[in-house]
C-alpha cells in the first residue's frame, strides 16, 4: 500500500470513493463527498494533508485534515476518513490516520480534532487522553506527537 498526497486529477475518483464508503454507514449525512469538494475550495484546505491510500494502482482510501482554530492556535480537524467498503477492516484507515498525523507533525501541527462516530474511527488509531472532556457530538482531541513517534 502506498499513502500519498491526492492529485487534482483524482478528485472525481475520490468523490466517488467517499460516497461509496459512506453509503452503508450507520451515521452518515450522505453529503460527505460534497463536504470534501467544498473544503478544497476554502482557506482551511491543507493539500499536503489530503491523502489517499493506493493498492495496486487503485485508490482505496482517503483522509482529509483541514485547519481550525483552538484558542489562539491553528490546529487540524480530521474528517472525513473514507475507505472503500471491500477494503474496510484491513488497517487502511489506521494507516491513513498515522501517516496523516506524522505529516501534520512535520508541518508544525500538534493536535487534531476528530469529527465522527466513535464506532467508525479505527480503535487502534485513537489515543484517548486522560481527564479529557468529550463533547457529546463525538468530537475528540488527540496529541499528534504521540502518533508521529509510533
C-alpha atoms as a PDB file:
ATOM      1  CA  UNK A   1       0.000   0.000   0.000  1.00  0.00           C
ATOM      2  CA  UNK A   2       1.166   3.486  -0.874  1.00  0.00           C
ATOM      3  CA  UNK A   3      -0.067   6.553   1.017  1.00  0.00           C
ATOM      4  CA  UNK A   4       0.457   9.798  -0.823  1.00  0.00           C
ATOM      5  CA  UNK A   5      -0.975  13.267  -1.355  1.00  0.00           C
ATOM      6  CA  UNK A   6      -4.083  13.400  -3.523  1.00  0.00           C
ATOM      7  CA  UNK A   7      -3.820  14.881  -7.031  1.00  0.00           C
ATOM      8  CA  UNK A   8      -6.376  17.260  -8.522  1.00  0.00           C
ATOM      9  CA  UNK A   9      -6.923  14.934 -11.496  1.00  0.00           C
ATOM     10  CA  UNK A  10      -8.150  12.305  -8.986  1.00  0.00           C
ATOM     11  CA  UNK A  11     -10.807  14.466  -7.314  1.00  0.00           C
ATOM     12  CA  UNK A  12     -13.649  12.774  -9.227  1.00  0.00           C
ATOM     13  CA  UNK A  13     -12.404   9.305  -8.180  1.00  0.00           C
ATOM     14  CA  UNK A  14     -12.062  10.435  -4.567  1.00  0.00           C
ATOM     15  CA  UNK A  15     -15.574  11.915  -4.686  1.00  0.00           C
ATOM     16  CA  UNK A  16     -16.945   8.506  -5.745  1.00  0.00           C
ATOM     17  CA  UNK A  17     -14.821   6.672  -3.157  1.00  0.00           C
ATOM     18  CA  UNK A  18     -16.155   8.834  -0.315  1.00  0.00           C
ATOM     19  CA  UNK A  19     -19.748   8.372  -1.485  1.00  0.00           C
ATOM     20  CA  UNK A  20     -19.284   4.585  -1.638  1.00  0.00           C
ATOM     21  CA  UNK A  21     -17.594   4.491   1.759  1.00  0.00           C
ATOM     22  CA  UNK A  22     -20.459   6.330   3.455  1.00  0.00           C
ATOM     23  CA  UNK A  23     -23.369   4.777   1.526  1.00  0.00           C
ATOM     24  CA  UNK A  24     -23.758   1.962   4.043  1.00  0.00           C
ATOM     25  CA  UNK A  25     -22.506   3.843   7.109  1.00  0.00           C
ATOM     26  CA  UNK A  26     -24.864   3.887  10.067  1.00  0.00           C
ATOM     27  CA  UNK A  27     -24.014   7.510  10.886  1.00  0.00           C
ATOM     28  CA  UNK A  28     -23.679   9.484   7.670  1.00  0.00           C
ATOM     29  CA  UNK A  29     -25.205  12.616   6.244  1.00  0.00           C
ATOM     30  CA  UNK A  30     -24.892  11.438   2.651  1.00  0.00           C
ATOM     31  CA  UNK A  31     -23.029  14.588   1.701  1.00  0.00           C
ATOM     32  CA  UNK A  32     -19.521  13.756   2.947  1.00  0.00           C
ATOM     33  CA  UNK A  33     -18.162  13.789  -0.623  1.00  0.00           C
ATOM     34  CA  UNK A  34     -19.645  17.265  -1.166  1.00  0.00           C
ATOM     35  CA  UNK A  35     -18.062  18.451   2.088  1.00  0.00           C
ATOM     36  CA  UNK A  36     -14.627  17.422   0.782  1.00  0.00           C
ATOM     37  CA  UNK A  37     -15.260  19.219  -2.514  1.00  0.00           C
ATOM     38  CA  UNK A  38     -16.232  22.384  -0.610  1.00  0.00           C
ATOM     39  CA  UNK A  39     -13.325  22.188   1.856  1.00  0.00           C
ATOM     40  CA  UNK A  40     -10.832  22.035  -1.009  1.00  0.00           C
ATOM     41  CA  UNK A  41     -12.068  25.450  -2.126  1.00  0.00           C
ATOM     42  CA  UNK A  42     -11.659  27.093   1.285  1.00  0.00           C
ATOM     43  CA  UNK A  43      -8.834  28.668   3.239  1.00  0.00           C
ATOM     44  CA  UNK A  44      -8.689  25.747   5.671  1.00  0.00           C
ATOM     45  CA  UNK A  45      -7.602  23.264   2.964  1.00  0.00           C
ATOM     46  CA  UNK A  46      -4.124  21.805   3.516  1.00  0.00           C
ATOM     47  CA  UNK A  47      -3.228  19.967   0.270  1.00  0.00           C
ATOM     48  CA  UNK A  48      -0.287  18.193   1.930  1.00  0.00           C
ATOM     49  CA  UNK A  49      -2.726  16.602   4.394  1.00  0.00           C
ATOM     50  CA  UNK A  50      -5.339  15.343   1.963  1.00  0.00           C
ATOM     51  CA  UNK A  51      -4.057  11.836   1.408  1.00  0.00           C
ATOM     52  CA  UNK A  52      -5.024   8.701  -0.495  1.00  0.00           C
ATOM     53  CA  UNK A  53      -4.220   5.049   0.082  1.00  0.00           C
ATOM     54  CA  UNK A  54      -3.429   3.199  -3.115  1.00  0.00           C
ATOM     55  CA  UNK A  55      -3.232  -0.573  -3.612  1.00  0.00           C
ATOM     56  CA  UNK A  56      -2.100  -1.967  -6.966  1.00  0.00           C
ATOM     57  CA  UNK A  57      -2.777   1.383  -8.629  1.00  0.00           C
ATOM     58  CA  UNK A  58      -6.324   1.672  -7.202  1.00  0.00           C
ATOM     59  CA  UNK A  59      -7.282   4.413  -4.755  1.00  0.00           C
ATOM     60  CA  UNK A  60      -8.999   2.593  -1.885  1.00  0.00           C
ATOM     61  CA  UNK A  61      -8.916   5.168   0.913  1.00  0.00           C
ATOM     62  CA  UNK A  62      -8.842   8.896   1.593  1.00  0.00           C
ATOM     63  CA  UNK A  63      -8.306  11.162   4.573  1.00  0.00           C
ATOM     64  CA  UNK A  64      -8.567  14.922   4.866  1.00  0.00           C
ATOM     65  CA  UNK A  65      -7.214  17.252   7.526  1.00  0.00           C
ATOM     66  CA  UNK A  66      -8.211  20.911   7.444  1.00  0.00           C
ATOM     67  CA  UNK A  67      -7.133  23.854   9.587  1.00  0.00           C
ATOM     68  CA  UNK A  68      -9.163  25.040  12.550  1.00  0.00           C
ATOM     69  CA  UNK A  69      -8.630  27.430  15.431  1.00  0.00           C
ATOM     70  CA  UNK A  70      -8.316  26.194  19.007  1.00  0.00           C
ATOM     71  CA  UNK A  71      -7.955  29.304  21.119  1.00  0.00           C
ATOM     72  CA  UNK A  72      -5.043  31.222  19.606  1.00  0.00           C
ATOM     73  CA  UNK A  73      -3.636  28.129  17.928  1.00  0.00           C
ATOM     74  CA  UNK A  74      -4.211  26.828  14.411  1.00  0.00           C
ATOM     75  CA  UNK A  75      -4.558  23.050  14.520  1.00  0.00           C
ATOM     76  CA  UNK A  76      -6.382  20.410  12.468  1.00  0.00           C
ATOM     77  CA  UNK A  77      -9.762  18.788  12.004  1.00  0.00           C
ATOM     78  CA  UNK A  78      -9.747  15.216  10.706  1.00  0.00           C
ATOM     79  CA  UNK A  79     -12.807  14.494   8.583  1.00  0.00           C
ATOM     80  CA  UNK A  80     -13.723  12.583   6.684  1.00  0.00           C
ATOM     81  CA  UNK A  81     -11.838   9.312   6.714  1.00  0.00           C
ATOM     82  CA  UNK A  82     -13.065   7.062   3.909  1.00  0.00           C
ATOM     83  CA  UNK A  83     -12.206   3.533   2.821  1.00  0.00           C
ATOM     84  CA  UNK A  84     -13.997   1.585   0.100  1.00  0.00           C
ATOM     85  CA  UNK A  85     -16.323  -0.976   1.741  1.00  0.00           C
ATOM     86  CA  UNK A  86     -14.498  -4.008   0.346  1.00  0.00           C
ATOM     87  CA  UNK A  87     -11.216  -2.724   1.861  1.00  0.00           C
ATOM     88  CA  UNK A  88     -12.548  -1.774   5.301  1.00  0.00           C
ATOM     89  CA  UNK A  89     -11.343  -3.518   8.476  1.00  0.00           C
ATOM     90  CA  UNK A  90      -7.915  -4.133   6.915  1.00  0.00           C
ATOM     91  CA  UNK A  91      -5.934  -1.364   8.617  1.00  0.00           C
ATOM     92  CA  UNK A  92      -6.141   1.155   5.770  1.00  0.00           C
ATOM     93  CA  UNK A  93      -7.964   3.787   7.826  1.00  0.00           C
ATOM     94  CA  UNK A  94      -5.491   3.344  10.664  1.00  0.00           C
ATOM     95  CA  UNK A  95      -2.563   3.702   8.267  1.00  0.00           C
ATOM     96  CA  UNK A  96      -4.066   6.893   6.800  1.00  0.00           C
ATOM     97  CA  UNK A  97      -4.516   8.390  10.270  1.00  0.00           C
ATOM     98  CA  UNK A  98      -0.969   7.533  11.349  1.00  0.00           C
ATOM     99  CA  UNK A  99       0.596   8.847   8.144  1.00  0.00           C
ATOM    100  CA  UNK A 100      -1.544  11.985   8.265  1.00  0.00           C
ATOM    101  CA  UNK A 101      -0.505  12.702  11.836  1.00  0.00           C
ATOM    102  CA  UNK A 102       3.136  12.063  11.002  1.00  0.00           C
ATOM    103  CA  UNK A 103       2.998  14.541   8.129  1.00  0.00           C
ATOM    104  CA  UNK A 104       0.998  17.024  10.204  1.00  0.00           C
ATOM    105  CA  UNK A 105       3.667  16.998  12.899  1.00  0.00           C
ATOM    106  CA  UNK A 106       6.371  17.843  10.346  1.00  0.00           C
ATOM    107  CA  UNK A 107       4.215  20.812   9.265  1.00  0.00           C
ATOM    108  CA  UNK A 108       4.078  22.084  12.840  1.00  0.00           C
ATOM    109  CA  UNK A 109       0.623  20.918  13.950  1.00  0.00           C
ATOM    110  CA  UNK A 110       0.241  19.397  17.419  1.00  0.00           C
ATOM    111  CA  UNK A 111      -3.421  18.463  17.702  1.00  0.00           C
ATOM    112  CA  UNK A 112      -6.243  17.194  15.578  1.00  0.00           C
ATOM    113  CA  UNK A 113      -9.903  17.145  16.389  1.00  0.00           C
ATOM    114  CA  UNK A 114     -11.587  14.027  15.050  1.00  0.00           C
ATOM    115  CA  UNK A 115     -15.094  14.598  13.770  1.00  0.00           C
ATOM    116  CA  UNK A 116     -17.051  11.387  13.542  1.00  0.00           C
ATOM    117  CA  UNK A 117     -18.627   8.452  15.256  1.00  0.00           C
ATOM    118  CA  UNK A 118     -16.564   6.668  17.888  1.00  0.00           C
ATOM    119  CA  UNK A 119     -17.712   3.317  16.457  1.00  0.00           C
ATOM    120  CA  UNK A 120     -16.327   4.033  12.988  1.00  0.00           C
ATOM    121  CA  UNK A 121     -12.952   5.503  13.909  1.00  0.00           C
ATOM    122  CA  UNK A 122     -10.292   2.758  13.932  1.00  0.00           C
ATOM    123  CA  UNK A 123      -9.880   1.887  17.605  1.00  0.00           C
ATOM    124  CA  UNK A 124      -6.155   1.221  17.413  1.00  0.00           C
ATOM    125  CA  UNK A 125      -5.607   4.631  15.795  1.00  0.00           C
ATOM    126  CA  UNK A 126      -7.053   6.627  18.660  1.00  0.00           C
ATOM    127  CA  UNK A 127      -5.032   7.531  21.729  1.00  0.00           C
ATOM    128  CA  UNK A 128      -7.554   8.734  24.259  1.00  0.00           C
ATOM    129  CA  UNK A 129      -6.082  11.335  26.572  1.00  0.00           C
ATOM    130  CA  UNK A 130      -6.844  11.030  30.272  1.00  0.00           C
ATOM    131  CA  UNK A 131      -9.028  13.644  32.003  1.00  0.00           C
ATOM    132  CA  UNK A 132     -10.346  14.941  28.690  1.00  0.00           C
ATOM    133  CA  UNK A 133     -13.801  16.406  28.364  1.00  0.00           C
ATOM    134  CA  UNK A 134     -15.601  14.733  25.470  1.00  0.00           C
ATOM    135  CA  UNK A 135     -18.300  16.578  23.614  1.00  0.00           C
ATOM    136  CA  UNK A 136     -21.499  14.640  23.096  1.00  0.00           C
ATOM    137  CA  UNK A 137     -21.157  15.321  19.368  1.00  0.00           C
ATOM    138  CA  UNK A 138     -18.328  12.785  19.380  1.00  0.00           C
ATOM    139  CA  UNK A 139     -15.555  15.277  18.809  1.00  0.00           C
ATOM    140  CA  UNK A 140     -12.213  14.120  20.147  1.00  0.00           C
ATOM    141  CA  UNK A 141      -8.896  15.836  20.529  1.00  0.00           C
ATOM    142  CA  UNK A 142      -5.638  13.954  20.407  1.00  0.00           C
ATOM    143  CA  UNK A 143      -1.957  14.703  20.560  1.00  0.00           C
ATOM    144  CA  UNK A 144      -0.334  14.268  17.153  1.00  0.00           C
ATOM    145  CA  UNK A 145       3.175  13.937  18.513  1.00  0.00           C
ATOM    146  CA  UNK A 146       2.167  10.590  20.054  1.00  0.00           C
ATOM    147  CA  UNK A 147       1.367   9.229  16.579  1.00  0.00           C
ATOM    148  CA  UNK A 148       4.463  10.699  14.979  1.00  0.00           C
ATOM    149  CA  UNK A 149       6.601   8.696  17.373  1.00  0.00           C
ATOM    150  CA  UNK A 150       4.827   5.375  16.757  1.00  0.00           C
END
